[in-house]
Every structure is written in structure tokens, then in C-alpha cells.
Amino acid sequence: MRYHAVSIAAVFLALALGVLLGSNSVSRTLLTTVGGQRDELNQQLRQLRSERDALRDELAGATALTDSIAPRAVRGSLRGTKVALLVAPGGDSARPRAVKRMIEIAGGSVTGTLRLTEKLTDPNTAAGVRELAPRLLPAGARLPVTSDPGTLAGGMLAPLILLDGDNGEPRATEQERTAAFEGLRDSGFVRGSAGFTPARLAVVLTGDGEHRDPLGVVPRLAARLDRGSSGAVLAGTTGSARGNGAIGVARSDDSVVSSVSTVDNAETTGGRVATVLALRGELRDRAGSYGTGAGADRRVPEPLCDDLRGVAARSGDCSER
């Protein structure tokens, strides 16, 4: 009996020693493998960081080149032209002040900035737009025959902020504009407009598509402003050309994109140059889709490539889409 007990103990001891020695061997092998993978990952990380830094330097150089040629690209293209600036929800990401500055460099002037609120793009308040538009319309002006809130909003705003596209004359008196803007502010559809005077062209700034606009109010508003004036440009930030973004909606609607010009990267210097040159194109009844997003025809309007005689082409701004 004692012999069997000793034998069994010896077996278990041998098993324990085997497991211990085996686990140590496996651990050493595993640690060696993990250590090798760690070194390989660290090497890949260093390589990726180096590539990132190189791309940052390349981007900084391209941005500096664009910044340096931007004034030359737009100077004089809007000489004496008045422009109305509208900022839709999310449009602050397009840097309205920088857009205004580029317009001024081009020789134009911004007659006022009107901020559209989220209430204007809310489907639950569309009935309010339909009810308000006829009441605030200046005498002699006509609304389009539609129930679409974006088209109605554009038809209501056009005679308030834009000169007649045919004769260049105001379509509302100062008293009518003041009363209409007060009504729009009191209803919560707009902010701003103090001292707003009619302009020849309009720029509607929008964001990257994160703000909900399921009825497409902003692109259809811009299209109606275009039809009631000398022209309009709808400018969004990177991402706005996606399907749910204002630029994406505009470019997928032939009735919109055939009239209003679109720019999908207005937060960049190149995008602001494209916005100004698109305004110049609108004065000549030329609409286009510009930027780097889906549906863009070119990065910038064609005249830039002619004006810079190859400088922009070398920077990549004139490459075909």
C-alpha cells in the first residue's frame, strides 16, 4: 500500500514538473514571438509617422502656394459688385469672414450677412414657412407656385436681399425690408440682417451635412435666389457633397445644379477662390460644380487656369476631375 502511494505521488510530481518545464518553454517562445511583433509594429509606427510628417510638409507647401496665388487669382474679378451672404445651419465652418475677405480682395463688397436658423430646415415648421411667405412678400413680388418650403423661402428672400436680375433695381422698399426681416426674426427663421441692402449676387454658406435638412431647404433656397437675381453660389465644407449634404442634394437635382453654382470645400483657400470665381461666372450666366467632392466638374472654374498661365496648373488646382 505504501509502495502504491509513493508511486502515485511520484507520478503526480513528474506531471507537475513536466507542466512547469513545458510552460516555461512555451512562455519563452511566446515572449520571443510577442517581442518580435512589438519591434515590427514599432518600426511600422515610425515609418507611418515619417510618412505623416512628409505629407504634412507637402500639404503645408501646397497651402502656402495656394494662399500666395489666391489674391492674384481673384483680384478685380468682382470689381464694384455687391454680394449678399447667407449662412445656413453649420455654415460657420465655411468661415464666413474669410469668404467675405476674399470677395473684398476681388473688388466686391458684402452688403450684409443673414443667418438662417435650424427652424427653417426643420420639417415640423415647414407649414410656418408656407404661412409666413405670402405675408412678408413685398408689394408687386410673386411667390413661385409650389408648396416646397425651400423654394418658397428663396422666393420670399430674393426680393428682400437681391436686386432685380433684369434691370438691377431694388424690388422692395426699405420699409418693406425692415418689416419682413422683423417678421422673420420674430418667427425664429433668421438672425442678423441689420443694415442689409440689396445685392447683385448671393453666396449661401452651408456645412458638411451634419445638420439635418431632410427637405433640402438650403439647396432649393439657393436655387430660387439664383433665379431671382444675377446669380448665386451654394458653398459648403468638405463632406457637403455627400448624399445628405446640401451640395450633394443640389448636384443630384438637375433643376438646382443647372442654375446655381456649387463649391464643396469653402473652408479652404482654394475653395474660397472657387467661390469668388464662380460668382464671376454667374454674372456671365455660367453655372458649375467645383471642389474635390463627388459631382465636382473641376477644382476651380476654368478662367483661373487661363489667368494664372500655368501657375495654378502646376499646383494641381486646374486638374480635371
C-alpha atoms as a PDB file:
ATOM      1  CA  MET A   1       0.000   0.000   0.000  1.00  0.00           C
ATOM      2  CA  ARG A   2       2.802   2.355   0.925  1.00  0.00           C
ATOM      3  CA  TYR A   3       4.528   1.432  -2.334  1.00  0.00           C
ATOM      4  CA  HIS A   4       1.437   2.391  -4.384  1.00  0.00           C
ATOM      5  CA  ALA A   5       1.084   5.708  -2.534  1.00  0.00           C
ATOM      6  CA  VAL A   6       4.712   6.561  -3.238  1.00  0.00           C
ATOM      7  CA  SER A   7       4.276   5.565  -6.884  1.00  0.00           C
ATOM      8  CA  ILE A   8       1.193   7.742  -7.300  1.00  0.00           C
ATOM      9  CA  ALA A   9       2.928  10.697  -5.627  1.00  0.00           C
ATOM     10  CA  ALA A  10       5.897  10.246  -7.934  1.00  0.00           C
ATOM     11  CA  VAL A  11       3.616  10.273 -10.989  1.00  0.00           C
ATOM     12  CA  PHE A  12       1.905  13.494  -9.917  1.00  0.00           C
ATOM     13  CA  LEU A  13       5.250  15.090  -9.123  1.00  0.00           C
ATOM     14  CA  ALA A  14       6.538  14.172 -12.543  1.00  0.00           C
ATOM     15  CA  LEU A  15       3.413  15.632 -14.171  1.00  0.00           C
ATOM     16  CA  ALA A  16       3.786  18.841 -12.182  1.00  0.00           C
ATOM     17  CA  LEU A  17       7.438  19.160 -13.135  1.00  0.00           C
ATOM     18  CA  GLY A  18       6.568  18.492 -16.773  1.00  0.00           C
ATOM     19  CA  VAL A  19       3.866  21.126 -16.835  1.00  0.00           C
ATOM     20  CA  LEU A  20       6.159  23.615 -15.143  1.00  0.00           C
ATOM     21  CA  LEU A  21       9.043  22.992 -17.510  1.00  0.00           C
ATOM     22  CA  GLY A  22       6.714  22.959 -20.509  1.00  0.00           C
ATOM     23  CA  SER A  23       5.032  26.220 -19.540  1.00  0.00           C
ATOM     24  CA  ASN A  24       8.390  27.888 -19.106  1.00  0.00           C
ATOM     25  CA  SER A  25       9.406  26.751 -22.584  1.00  0.00           C
ATOM     26  CA  VAL A  26       6.107  27.943 -24.071  1.00  0.00           C
ATOM     27  CA  SER A  27       6.384  31.255 -22.209  1.00  0.00           C
ATOM     28  CA  ARG A  28       9.882  31.845 -23.567  1.00  0.00           C
ATOM     29  CA  THR A  29       8.713  31.055 -27.103  1.00  0.00           C
ATOM     30  CA  LEU A  30       5.621  33.237 -26.690  1.00  0.00           C
ATOM     31  CA  LEU A  31       7.620  36.132 -25.264  1.00  0.00           C
ATOM     32  CA  THR A  32      10.095  35.873 -28.105  1.00  0.00           C
ATOM     33  CA  THR A  33       7.264  35.966 -30.665  1.00  0.00           C
ATOM     34  CA  VAL A  34       5.493  38.877 -28.974  1.00  0.00           C
ATOM     35  CA  GLY A  35       8.754  40.779 -28.670  1.00  0.00           C
ATOM     36  CA  GLY A  36       9.419  40.353 -32.373  1.00  0.00           C
ATOM     37  CA  GLN A  37       5.933  41.536 -33.262  1.00  0.00           C
ATOM     38  CA  ARG A  38       6.350  44.540 -30.954  1.00  0.00           C
ATOM     39  CA  ASP A  39       9.588  45.532 -32.647  1.00  0.00           C
ATOM     40  CA  GLU A  40       7.960  45.138 -36.066  1.00  0.00           C
ATOM     41  CA  LEU A  41       4.965  47.281 -35.034  1.00  0.00           C
ATOM     42  CA  ASN A  42       7.261  49.948 -33.607  1.00  0.00           C
ATOM     43  CA  GLN A  43       9.144  50.042 -36.900  1.00  0.00           C
ATOM     44  CA  GLN A  44       5.853  50.373 -38.831  1.00  0.00           C
ATOM     45  CA  LEU A  45       4.750  53.132 -36.468  1.00  0.00           C
ATOM     46  CA  ARG A  46       7.978  55.057 -37.031  1.00  0.00           C
ATOM     47  CA  GLN A  47       7.540  54.674 -40.799  1.00  0.00           C
ATOM     48  CA  LEU A  48       3.917  55.863 -40.675  1.00  0.00           C
ATOM     49  CA  ARG A  49       4.893  58.855 -38.559  1.00  0.00           C
ATOM     50  CA  SER A  50       7.598  59.726 -41.044  1.00  0.00           C
ATOM     51  CA  GLU A  51       5.121  59.468 -43.939  1.00  0.00           C
ATOM     52  CA  ARG A  52       2.613  61.569 -41.979  1.00  0.00           C
ATOM     53  CA  ASP A  53       5.181  64.283 -41.355  1.00  0.00           C
ATOM     54  CA  ALA A  54       6.154  64.269 -45.034  1.00  0.00           C
ATOM     55  CA  LEU A  55       2.503  64.611 -46.072  1.00  0.00           C
ATOM     56  CA  ARG A  56       2.049  67.452 -43.584  1.00  0.00           C
ATOM     57  CA  ASP A  57       5.015  69.265 -45.073  1.00  0.00           C
ATOM     58  CA  GLU A  58       3.676  68.688 -48.579  1.00  0.00           C
ATOM     59  CA  LEU A  59       0.232  69.942 -47.561  1.00  0.00           C
ATOM     60  CA  ALA A  60       1.735  72.999 -45.861  1.00  0.00           C
ATOM     61  CA  GLY A  61       3.674  73.784 -49.012  1.00  0.00           C
ATOM     62  CA  ALA A  62       0.598  73.399 -51.222  1.00  0.00           C
ATOM     63  CA  THR A  63      -1.456  75.544 -48.842  1.00  0.00           C
ATOM     64  CA  ALA A  64       1.216  78.239 -48.800  1.00  0.00           C
ATOM     65  CA  LEU A  65       1.311  78.246 -52.606  1.00  0.00           C
ATOM     66  CA  THR A  66      -2.478  78.484 -52.795  1.00  0.00           C
ATOM     67  CA  ASP A  67      -2.522  81.299 -50.238  1.00  0.00           C
ATOM     68  CA  SER A  68       0.121  83.198 -52.169  1.00  0.00           C
ATOM     69  CA  ILE A  69      -1.630  82.992 -55.547  1.00  0.00           C
ATOM     70  CA  ALA A  70      -5.196  83.438 -54.238  1.00  0.00           C
ATOM     71  CA  PRO A  71      -5.209  87.272 -54.289  1.00  0.00           C
ATOM     72  CA  ARG A  72      -3.780  87.289 -57.789  1.00  0.00           C
ATOM     73  CA  ALA A  73      -6.365  84.739 -58.899  1.00  0.00           C
ATOM     74  CA  VAL A  74      -9.385  86.769 -57.816  1.00  0.00           C
ATOM     75  CA  ARG A  75      -8.231  90.402 -57.873  1.00  0.00           C
ATOM     76  CA  GLY A  76     -10.634  92.560 -59.871  1.00  0.00           C
ATOM     77  CA  SER A  77     -12.975  89.712 -60.766  1.00  0.00           C
ATOM     78  CA  LEU A  78     -15.888  91.219 -58.779  1.00  0.00           C
ATOM     79  CA  ARG A  79     -14.986  94.904 -59.093  1.00  0.00           C
ATOM     80  CA  GLY A  80     -17.887  97.019 -57.861  1.00  0.00           C
ATOM     81  CA  THR A  81     -20.180  94.012 -57.386  1.00  0.00           C
ATOM     82  CA  LYS A  82     -22.385  93.762 -54.301  1.00  0.00           C
ATOM     83  CA  VAL A  83     -22.841  90.326 -52.737  1.00  0.00           C
ATOM     84  CA  ALA A  84     -25.320  89.129 -50.092  1.00  0.00           C
ATOM     85  CA  LEU A  85     -24.035  86.487 -47.674  1.00  0.00           C
ATOM     86  CA  LEU A  86     -26.375  83.901 -46.147  1.00  0.00           C
ATOM     87  CA  VAL A  87     -25.153  81.421 -43.535  1.00  0.00           C
ATOM     88  CA  ALA A  88     -27.195  78.222 -43.186  1.00  0.00           C
ATOM     89  CA  PRO A  89     -27.004  75.971 -40.091  1.00  0.00           C
ATOM     90  CA  GLY A  90     -23.455  74.588 -39.979  1.00  0.00           C
ATOM     91  CA  GLY A  91     -22.252  77.268 -42.390  1.00  0.00           C
ATOM     92  CA  ASP A  92     -19.910  78.840 -39.858  1.00  0.00           C
ATOM     93  CA  SER A  93     -17.468  76.003 -40.584  1.00  0.00           C
ATOM     94  CA  ALA A  94     -17.020  77.611 -44.017  1.00  0.00           C
ATOM     95  CA  ARG A  95     -15.554  80.684 -42.241  1.00  0.00           C
ATOM     96  CA  PRO A  96     -17.901  83.475 -43.414  1.00  0.00           C
ATOM     97  CA  ARG A  97     -15.393  86.205 -42.529  1.00  0.00           C
ATOM     98  CA  ALA A  98     -12.754  84.586 -44.734  1.00  0.00           C
ATOM     99  CA  VAL A  99     -15.258  84.308 -47.595  1.00  0.00           C
ATOM    100  CA  LYS A 100     -16.171  87.972 -47.134  1.00  0.00           C
ATOM    101  CA  ARG A 101     -12.494  88.909 -47.182  1.00  0.00           C
ATOM    102  CA  MET A 102     -11.932  87.019 -50.445  1.00  0.00           C
ATOM    103  CA  ILE A 103     -14.897  88.830 -52.010  1.00  0.00           C
ATOM    104  CA  GLU A 104     -13.371  92.148 -50.934  1.00  0.00           C
ATOM    105  CA  ILE A 105      -9.979  91.196 -52.386  1.00  0.00           C
ATOM    106  CA  ALA A 106     -11.824  90.525 -55.647  1.00  0.00           C
ATOM    107  CA  GLY A 107     -13.127  94.101 -55.586  1.00  0.00           C
ATOM    108  CA  GLY A 108     -16.651  93.271 -54.413  1.00  0.00           C
ATOM    109  CA  SER A 109     -18.467  94.139 -51.205  1.00  0.00           C
ATOM    110  CA  VAL A 110     -20.782  92.221 -48.879  1.00  0.00           C
ATOM    111  CA  THR A 111     -23.977  94.164 -48.245  1.00  0.00           C
ATOM    112  CA  GLY A 112     -24.992  92.135 -45.211  1.00  0.00           C
ATOM    113  CA  THR A 113     -24.941  88.715 -43.557  1.00  0.00           C
ATOM    114  CA  LEU A 114     -28.164  86.845 -42.905  1.00  0.00           C
ATOM    115  CA  ARG A 115     -28.069  83.742 -40.707  1.00  0.00           C
ATOM    116  CA  LEU A 116     -30.669  81.077 -41.327  1.00  0.00           C
ATOM    117  CA  THR A 117     -31.702  79.058 -38.267  1.00  0.00           C
ATOM    118  CA  GLU A 118     -32.329  75.336 -37.861  1.00  0.00           C
ATOM    119  CA  LYS A 119     -36.018  76.134 -37.590  1.00  0.00           C
ATOM    120  CA  LEU A 120     -36.041  77.000 -41.288  1.00  0.00           C
ATOM    121  CA  THR A 121     -34.813  73.494 -42.195  1.00  0.00           C
ATOM    122  CA  ASP A 122     -36.991  71.647 -39.682  1.00  0.00           C
ATOM    123  CA  PRO A 123     -39.750  69.622 -41.427  1.00  0.00           C
ATOM    124  CA  ASN A 124     -42.026  70.297 -38.450  1.00  0.00           C
ATOM    125  CA  THR A 125     -42.006  74.041 -39.162  1.00  0.00           C
ATOM    126  CA  ALA A 126     -42.416  73.865 -42.942  1.00  0.00           C
ATOM    127  CA  ALA A 127     -46.048  74.898 -42.555  1.00  0.00           C
ATOM    128  CA  GLY A 128     -44.860  78.074 -40.839  1.00  0.00           C
ATOM    129  CA  VAL A 129     -42.761  78.982 -43.871  1.00  0.00           C
ATOM    130  CA  ARG A 130     -45.719  78.409 -46.172  1.00  0.00           C
ATOM    131  CA  GLU A 131     -47.914  80.612 -43.992  1.00  0.00           C
ATOM    132  CA  LEU A 132     -45.357  83.392 -43.498  1.00  0.00           C
ATOM    133  CA  ALA A 133     -44.033  83.803 -47.045  1.00  0.00           C
ATOM    134  CA  PRO A 134     -47.138  85.468 -48.573  1.00  0.00           C
ATOM    135  CA  ARG A 135     -47.484  87.862 -45.634  1.00  0.00           C
ATOM    136  CA  LEU A 136     -43.900  89.166 -45.810  1.00  0.00           C
ATOM    137  CA  LEU A 137     -43.637  89.404 -49.583  1.00  0.00           C
ATOM    138  CA  PRO A 138     -43.035  92.983 -50.863  1.00  0.00           C
ATOM    139  CA  ALA A 139     -45.731  94.609 -52.968  1.00  0.00           C
ATOM    140  CA  GLY A 140     -45.520  93.538 -56.596  1.00  0.00           C
ATOM    141  CA  ALA A 141     -43.396  90.458 -55.912  1.00  0.00           C
ATOM    142  CA  ARG A 142     -44.724  86.987 -56.653  1.00  0.00           C
ATOM    143  CA  LEU A 143     -44.021  83.687 -54.978  1.00  0.00           C
ATOM    144  CA  PRO A 144     -43.402  80.555 -57.037  1.00  0.00           C
ATOM    145  CA  VAL A 145     -46.411  78.258 -57.281  1.00  0.00           C
ATOM    146  CA  THR A 146     -45.214  75.419 -55.037  1.00  0.00           C
ATOM    147  CA  SER A 147     -45.544  74.030 -51.528  1.00  0.00           C
ATOM    148  CA  ASP A 148     -41.798  73.325 -51.224  1.00  0.00           C
ATOM    149  CA  PRO A 149     -40.526  75.310 -48.190  1.00  0.00           C
ATOM    150  CA  GLY A 150     -37.038  75.873 -49.607  1.00  0.00           C
ATOM    151  CA  THR A 151     -38.328  77.293 -52.873  1.00  0.00           C
ATOM    152  CA  LEU A 152     -40.856  79.443 -51.015  1.00  0.00           C
ATOM    153  CA  ALA A 153     -38.204  80.726 -48.597  1.00  0.00           C
ATOM    154  CA  GLY A 154     -35.949  81.628 -51.534  1.00  0.00           C
ATOM    155  CA  GLY A 155     -38.839  83.316 -53.316  1.00  0.00           C
ATOM    156  CA  MET A 156     -39.580  85.323 -50.189  1.00  0.00           C
ATOM    157  CA  LEU A 157     -35.955  86.346 -49.524  1.00  0.00           C
ATOM    158  CA  ALA A 158     -34.919  87.134 -53.110  1.00  0.00           C
ATOM    159  CA  PRO A 159     -36.766  90.481 -53.405  1.00  0.00           C
ATOM    160  CA  LEU A 160     -35.577  91.462 -49.925  1.00  0.00           C
ATOM    161  CA  ILE A 161     -31.850  90.898 -50.351  1.00  0.00           C
ATOM    162  CA  LEU A 162     -31.223  90.882 -54.113  1.00  0.00           C
ATOM    163  CA  LEU A 163     -31.586  93.374 -56.940  1.00  0.00           C
ATOM    164  CA  ASP A 164     -33.708  92.527 -59.935  1.00  0.00           C
ATOM    165  CA  GLY A 165     -31.662  90.362 -62.274  1.00  0.00           C
ATOM    166  CA  ASP A 166     -33.005  92.108 -65.366  1.00  0.00           C
ATOM    167  CA  ASN A 167     -32.768  95.813 -64.537  1.00  0.00           C
ATOM    168  CA  GLY A 168     -30.594  95.906 -61.402  1.00  0.00           C
ATOM    169  CA  GLU A 169     -33.248  97.784 -59.429  1.00  0.00           C
ATOM    170  CA  PRO A 170     -34.396  97.079 -55.837  1.00  0.00           C
ATOM    171  CA  ARG A 171     -37.599  95.055 -55.593  1.00  0.00           C
ATOM    172  CA  ALA A 172     -38.571  96.160 -52.079  1.00  0.00           C
ATOM    173  CA  THR A 173     -38.595  99.454 -50.217  1.00  0.00           C
ATOM    174  CA  GLU A 174     -36.515  99.937 -47.111  1.00  0.00           C
ATOM    175  CA  GLN A 175     -39.702  99.836 -45.029  1.00  0.00           C
ATOM    176  CA  GLU A 176     -40.773  96.543 -46.628  1.00  0.00           C
ATOM    177  CA  ARG A 177     -37.353  95.006 -45.988  1.00  0.00           C
ATOM    178  CA  THR A 178     -37.347  96.156 -42.363  1.00  0.00           C
ATOM    179  CA  ALA A 179     -40.844  94.790 -41.726  1.00  0.00           C
ATOM    180  CA  ALA A 180     -40.064  91.483 -43.441  1.00  0.00           C
ATOM    181  CA  PHE A 181     -36.809  90.938 -41.544  1.00  0.00           C
ATOM    182  CA  GLU A 182     -38.549  91.707 -38.272  1.00  0.00           C
ATOM    183  CA  GLY A 183     -41.211  89.128 -39.108  1.00  0.00           C
ATOM    184  CA  LEU A 184     -38.589  86.534 -39.996  1.00  0.00           C
ATOM    185  CA  ARG A 185     -36.628  87.175 -36.794  1.00  0.00           C
ATOM    186  CA  ASP A 186     -39.735  87.154 -34.607  1.00  0.00           C
ATOM    187  CA  SER A 187     -40.735  83.819 -36.154  1.00  0.00           C
ATOM    188  CA  GLY A 188     -37.276  82.406 -35.429  1.00  0.00           C
ATOM    189  CA  PHE A 189     -36.304  81.695 -39.040  1.00  0.00           C
ATOM    190  CA  VAL A 190     -33.342  84.116 -39.325  1.00  0.00           C
ATOM    191  CA  ARG A 191     -30.838  86.064 -37.265  1.00  0.00           C
ATOM    192  CA  GLY A 192     -28.984  89.232 -38.254  1.00  0.00           C
ATOM    193  CA  SER A 193     -29.859  91.439 -41.246  1.00  0.00           C
ATOM    194  CA  ALA A 194     -29.292  94.818 -39.549  1.00  0.00           C
ATOM    195  CA  GLY A 195     -28.487  97.370 -42.271  1.00  0.00           C
ATOM    196  CA  PHE A 196     -28.950  94.803 -45.040  1.00  0.00           C
ATOM    197  CA  THR A 197     -29.062  96.382 -48.510  1.00  0.00           C
ATOM    198  CA  PRO A 198     -29.883  94.584 -51.786  1.00  0.00           C
ATOM    199  CA  ALA A 199     -27.042  92.940 -53.678  1.00  0.00           C
ATOM    200  CA  ARG A 200     -26.500  91.689 -57.202  1.00  0.00           C
ATOM    201  CA  LEU A 201     -25.267  88.209 -56.242  1.00  0.00           C
ATOM    202  CA  ALA A 202     -25.668  85.846 -53.283  1.00  0.00           C
ATOM    203  CA  VAL A 203     -23.485  83.271 -51.536  1.00  0.00           C
ATOM    204  CA  VAL A 204     -25.192  80.674 -49.359  1.00  0.00           C
ATOM    205  CA  LEU A 205     -22.744  79.006 -46.960  1.00  0.00           C
ATOM    206  CA  THR A 206     -23.557  75.584 -45.576  1.00  0.00           C
ATOM    207  CA  GLY A 207     -21.705  72.949 -43.549  1.00  0.00           C
ATOM    208  CA  ASP A 208     -20.626  69.359 -44.150  1.00  0.00           C
ATOM    209  CA  GLY A 209     -24.041  67.718 -43.994  1.00  0.00           C
ATOM    210  CA  GLU A 210     -24.133  67.011 -40.263  1.00  0.00           C
ATOM    211  CA  HIS A 211     -27.063  69.405 -39.746  1.00  0.00           C
ATOM    212  CA  ARG A 212     -30.314  67.750 -40.796  1.00  0.00           C
ATOM    213  CA  ASP A 213     -32.143  69.200 -43.781  1.00  0.00           C
ATOM    214  CA  PRO A 214     -34.357  66.330 -44.964  1.00  0.00           C
ATOM    215  CA  LEU A 215     -36.498  68.567 -47.178  1.00  0.00           C
ATOM    216  CA  GLY A 216     -33.491  70.079 -48.978  1.00  0.00           C
ATOM    217  CA  VAL A 217     -34.461  73.600 -47.921  1.00  0.00           C
ATOM    218  CA  VAL A 218     -30.987  75.128 -48.272  1.00  0.00           C
ATOM    219  CA  PRO A 219     -30.129  73.978 -51.842  1.00  0.00           C
ATOM    220  CA  ARG A 220     -33.601  74.824 -53.135  1.00  0.00           C
ATOM    221  CA  LEU A 221     -33.494  78.207 -51.406  1.00  0.00           C
ATOM    222  CA  ALA A 222     -30.165  78.905 -53.134  1.00  0.00           C
ATOM    223  CA  ALA A 223     -31.580  77.849 -56.499  1.00  0.00           C
ATOM    224  CA  ARG A 224     -34.515  80.222 -56.109  1.00  0.00           C
ATOM    225  CA  LEU A 225     -32.202  83.095 -55.144  1.00  0.00           C
ATOM    226  CA  ASP A 226     -30.246  82.383 -58.319  1.00  0.00           C
ATOM    227  CA  ARG A 227     -33.360  82.542 -60.495  1.00  0.00           C
ATOM    228  CA  GLY A 228     -34.423  85.840 -58.979  1.00  0.00           C
ATOM    229  CA  SER A 229     -31.109  87.662 -59.396  1.00  0.00           C
ATOM    230  CA  SER A 230     -27.895  87.803 -61.378  1.00  0.00           C
ATOM    231  CA  GLY A 231     -26.758  84.580 -59.727  1.00  0.00           C
ATOM    232  CA  ALA A 232     -25.981  82.645 -56.569  1.00  0.00           C
ATOM    233  CA  VAL A 233     -23.353  80.217 -55.314  1.00  0.00           C
ATOM    234  CA  LEU A 234     -24.000  77.452 -52.781  1.00  0.00           C
ATOM    235  CA  ALA A 235     -20.757  76.777 -50.911  1.00  0.00           C
ATOM    236  CA  GLY A 236     -20.240  74.022 -48.333  1.00  0.00           C
ATOM    237  CA  THR A 237     -17.336  72.461 -46.476  1.00  0.00           C
ATOM    238  CA  THR A 238     -15.594  69.133 -47.039  1.00  0.00           C
ATOM    239  CA  GLY A 239     -18.219  66.411 -46.741  1.00  0.00           C
ATOM    240  CA  SER A 240     -21.062  68.572 -48.041  1.00  0.00           C
ATOM    241  CA  ALA A 241     -21.014  66.727 -51.385  1.00  0.00           C
ATOM    242  CA  ARG A 242     -22.139  63.507 -49.721  1.00  0.00           C
ATOM    243  CA  GLY A 243     -25.702  62.417 -50.434  1.00  0.00           C
ATOM    244  CA  ASN A 244     -27.155  64.020 -47.294  1.00  0.00           C
ATOM    245  CA  GLY A 245     -25.186  67.252 -47.604  1.00  0.00           C
ATOM    246  CA  ALA A 246     -26.559  70.402 -49.203  1.00  0.00           C
ATOM    247  CA  ILE A 247     -24.062  70.211 -52.079  1.00  0.00           C
ATOM    248  CA  GLY A 248     -24.832  66.530 -52.610  1.00  0.00           C
ATOM    249  CA  VAL A 249     -28.570  67.259 -52.738  1.00  0.00           C
ATOM    250  CA  ALA A 250     -28.021  70.165 -55.134  1.00  0.00           C
ATOM    251  CA  ARG A 251     -25.830  68.147 -57.504  1.00  0.00           C
ATOM    252  CA  SER A 252     -28.339  65.300 -57.616  1.00  0.00           C
ATOM    253  CA  ASP A 253     -31.183  67.649 -58.593  1.00  0.00           C
ATOM    254  CA  ASP A 254     -30.975  68.836 -62.206  1.00  0.00           C
ATOM    255  CA  SER A 255     -33.345  71.724 -61.551  1.00  0.00           C
ATOM    256  CA  VAL A 256     -30.929  73.051 -58.909  1.00  0.00           C
ATOM    257  CA  VAL A 257     -27.474  72.307 -60.307  1.00  0.00           C
ATOM    258  CA  SER A 258     -28.394  73.662 -63.743  1.00  0.00           C
ATOM    259  CA  SER A 259     -28.776  77.153 -62.307  1.00  0.00           C
ATOM    260  CA  VAL A 260     -26.798  77.570 -59.087  1.00  0.00           C
ATOM    261  CA  SER A 261     -23.026  77.030 -58.857  1.00  0.00           C
ATOM    262  CA  THR A 262     -21.733  74.777 -56.076  1.00  0.00           C
ATOM    263  CA  VAL A 263     -18.422  74.616 -54.193  1.00  0.00           C
ATOM    264  CA  ASP A 264     -17.759  71.744 -51.778  1.00  0.00           C
ATOM    265  CA  ASN A 265     -14.585  72.887 -49.945  1.00  0.00           C
ATOM    266  CA  ALA A 266     -15.240  76.512 -48.969  1.00  0.00           C
ATOM    267  CA  GLU A 267     -13.303  76.177 -45.707  1.00  0.00           C
ATOM    268  CA  THR A 268     -10.060  76.141 -47.725  1.00  0.00           C
ATOM    269  CA  THR A 269      -8.352  78.988 -49.558  1.00  0.00           C
ATOM    270  CA  GLY A 270      -8.790  77.151 -52.846  1.00  0.00           C
ATOM    271  CA  GLY A 271     -12.478  76.708 -52.120  1.00  0.00           C
ATOM    272  CA  ARG A 272     -12.915  80.411 -51.411  1.00  0.00           C
ATOM    273  CA  VAL A 273     -11.125  81.251 -54.657  1.00  0.00           C
ATOM    274  CA  ALA A 274     -13.512  78.894 -56.449  1.00  0.00           C
ATOM    275  CA  THR A 275     -16.474  80.601 -54.737  1.00  0.00           C
ATOM    276  CA  VAL A 276     -15.409  84.058 -55.928  1.00  0.00           C
ATOM    277  CA  LEU A 277     -14.691  82.888 -59.471  1.00  0.00           C
ATOM    278  CA  ALA A 278     -17.999  81.004 -59.510  1.00  0.00           C
ATOM    279  CA  LEU A 279     -19.697  84.316 -58.641  1.00  0.00           C
ATOM    280  CA  ARG A 280     -17.963  85.893 -61.615  1.00  0.00           C
ATOM    281  CA  GLY A 281     -19.184  83.010 -63.750  1.00  0.00           C
ATOM    282  CA  GLU A 282     -22.740  83.593 -62.518  1.00  0.00           C
ATOM    283  CA  LEU A 283     -22.530  87.165 -63.825  1.00  0.00           C
ATOM    284  CA  ARG A 284     -21.937  85.572 -67.225  1.00  0.00           C
ATOM    285  CA  ASP A 285     -24.747  83.019 -66.789  1.00  0.00           C
ATOM    286  CA  ARG A 286     -22.259  80.200 -66.269  1.00  0.00           C
ATOM    287  CA  ALA A 287     -23.007  77.657 -63.534  1.00  0.00           C
ATOM    288  CA  GLY A 288     -20.632  74.909 -62.469  1.00  0.00           C
ATOM    289  CA  SER A 289     -19.756  72.394 -59.758  1.00  0.00           C
ATOM    290  CA  TYR A 290     -16.355  72.946 -58.158  1.00  0.00           C
ATOM    291  CA  GLY A 291     -14.214  71.413 -55.423  1.00  0.00           C
ATOM    292  CA  THR A 292     -12.921  67.954 -54.584  1.00  0.00           C
ATOM    293  CA  GLY A 293     -16.097  66.074 -53.654  1.00  0.00           C
ATOM    294  CA  ALA A 294     -18.471  63.855 -55.593  1.00  0.00           C
ATOM    295  CA  GLY A 295     -20.002  65.501 -58.626  1.00  0.00           C
ATOM    296  CA  ALA A 296     -17.422  68.297 -58.954  1.00  0.00           C
ATOM    297  CA  ASP A 297     -16.512  69.125 -62.555  1.00  0.00           C
ATOM    298  CA  ARG A 298     -13.276  70.896 -61.651  1.00  0.00           C
ATOM    299  CA  ARG A 299     -11.429  72.172 -58.601  1.00  0.00           C
ATOM    300  CA  VAL A 300     -11.905  75.777 -59.709  1.00  0.00           C
ATOM    301  CA  PRO A 301     -13.670  77.497 -62.632  1.00  0.00           C
ATOM    302  CA  GLU A 302     -11.764  77.422 -65.900  1.00  0.00           C
ATOM    303  CA  PRO A 303     -10.846  81.138 -66.046  1.00  0.00           C
ATOM    304  CA  LEU A 304      -8.353  80.646 -63.199  1.00  0.00           C
ATOM    305  CA  CYS A 305      -6.185  78.393 -65.321  1.00  0.00           C
ATOM    306  CA  ASP A 306      -6.087  80.980 -68.111  1.00  0.00           C
ATOM    307  CA  ASP A 307      -5.473  83.909 -65.758  1.00  0.00           C
ATOM    308  CA  LEU A 308      -2.537  82.288 -63.982  1.00  0.00           C
ATOM    309  CA  ARG A 309      -0.917  80.954 -67.184  1.00  0.00           C
ATOM    310  CA  GLY A 310       0.096  77.611 -65.747  1.00  0.00           C
ATOM    311  CA  VAL A 311       0.972  78.569 -62.172  1.00  0.00           C
ATOM    312  CA  ALA A 312      -2.209  77.033 -60.771  1.00  0.00           C
ATOM    313  CA  ALA A 313      -1.864  74.079 -63.104  1.00  0.00           C
ATOM    314  CA  ARG A 314       1.481  73.220 -61.535  1.00  0.00           C
ATOM    315  CA  SER A 315      -0.090  73.400 -58.069  1.00  0.00           C
ATOM    316  CA  GLY A 316      -2.812  70.956 -59.114  1.00  0.00           C
ATOM    317  CA  ASP A 317      -5.688  73.431 -58.855  1.00  0.00           C
ATOM    318  CA  CYS A 318      -6.513  73.163 -62.564  1.00  0.00           C
ATOM    319  CA  SER A 319      -6.512  69.393 -62.840  1.00  0.00           C
ATOM    320  CA  GLU A 320      -9.559  67.815 -64.432  1.00  0.00           C
ATOM    321  CA  ARG A 321     -11.906  65.741 -62.296  1.00  0.00           C
END
